Amino acid sequence: MKLTDIMAGTNVKITDLSTMNDLVRRRLNDFGIMEGSVISLRKLLPFSGPCTIEAKGQWIAIRRKEANCIQVEAV
């Protein structure tokens, strides 16, 4: 399932980032967000707004377009 399909506050494990833009994937990797990482969706703003995720104690906002490219599974 996609990251945007889960409820806010749910912990999930990233399973696939292959459909994401290479530059964005590299930026997320700099924050320690990669396949196998456990993250939590904190906020999903309305009207196709950005998503806020928490990973390793840091909150990061990403575009919904990129969040739709992150495949996750429940922990």
Protein backbone atom coordinates (compact mmCIF):
# COMPACT_ATOMS: atom_id res chain seq x y z
CA MET A 1 0.00 0.00 0.00
CA LYS A 2 1.04 3.62 -0.40
CA LEU A 3 2.07 5.90 2.44
CA THR A 4 -0.94 8.13 1.80
CA ASP A 5 -3.33 5.17 2.26
CA ILE A 6 -2.63 4.78 5.99
CA MET A 7 -4.14 6.64 8.94
CA ALA A 8 -2.17 9.39 10.69
CA GLY A 9 -0.17 8.11 13.65
CA THR A 10 0.37 4.62 12.23
CA ASN A 11 3.87 3.12 12.22
CA VAL A 12 4.83 1.45 8.95
CA LYS A 13 7.93 -0.05 7.34
CA ILE A 14 9.09 1.20 3.93
CA THR A 15 9.20 -1.63 1.40
CA ASP A 16 9.84 0.08 -1.94
CA LEU A 17 11.16 3.44 -3.12
CA SER A 18 12.02 2.43 -6.69
CA THR A 19 9.30 4.56 -8.35
CA MET A 20 10.48 7.74 -6.62
CA ASN A 21 12.61 10.42 -8.27
CA ASP A 22 16.32 9.74 -7.69
CA LEU A 23 16.99 13.20 -6.24
CA VAL A 24 14.16 12.92 -3.71
CA ARG A 25 15.21 9.37 -2.80
CA ARG A 26 18.76 10.62 -2.18
CA ARG A 27 17.46 13.46 0.02
CA LEU A 28 15.37 11.04 2.08
CA ASN A 29 18.39 8.74 2.35
CA ASP A 30 20.34 11.67 3.84
CA PHE A 31 17.69 11.80 6.60
CA GLY A 32 18.04 8.04 7.15
CA ILE A 33 14.79 7.18 5.39
CA MET A 34 15.35 4.15 3.16
CA GLU A 35 13.85 0.75 2.43
CA GLY A 36 13.43 -1.11 5.71
CA SER A 37 13.09 2.06 7.82
CA VAL A 38 10.15 2.38 10.21
CA ILE A 39 8.35 5.70 9.86
CA SER A 40 5.11 7.21 11.08
CA LEU A 41 2.71 9.38 9.10
CA ARG A 42 1.97 12.33 11.38
CA LYS A 43 -0.09 14.73 9.28
CA LEU A 44 -1.81 14.51 5.90
CA LEU A 45 -3.00 17.97 4.94
CA PRO A 46 -6.19 18.39 2.90
CA PHE A 47 -6.54 19.50 -0.73
CA SER A 48 -3.51 17.50 -1.91
CA GLY A 49 -1.26 19.28 0.58
CA PRO A 50 2.05 17.95 1.90
CA CYS A 51 2.51 15.01 4.26
CA THR A 52 4.49 15.11 7.48
CA ILE A 53 6.35 11.97 8.48
CA GLU A 54 8.38 11.15 11.55
CA ALA A 55 11.54 9.11 11.24
CA LYS A 56 14.16 8.67 13.95
CA GLY A 57 12.71 11.52 16.01
CA GLN A 58 12.70 14.09 13.22
CA TRP A 59 9.63 15.42 11.43
CA ILE A 60 9.94 15.87 7.67
CA ALA A 61 7.38 17.32 5.26
CA ILE A 62 7.23 15.88 1.75
CA ARG A 63 4.97 16.50 -1.23
CA ARG A 64 1.99 14.21 -1.56
CA LYS A 65 3.29 13.25 -5.02
CA GLU A 66 6.41 11.77 -3.41
CA ALA A 67 4.40 10.19 -0.59
CA ASN A 68 2.35 8.32 -3.21
CA CYS A 69 5.59 6.74 -4.48
CA ILE A 70 6.50 5.26 -1.08
CA GLN A 71 5.26 1.68 -0.70
CA VAL A 72 4.82 0.58 2.94
CA GLU A 73 3.58 -2.32 5.03
CA ALA A 74 2.20 -2.42 8.55
CA VAL A 75 4.62 -3.16 11.37
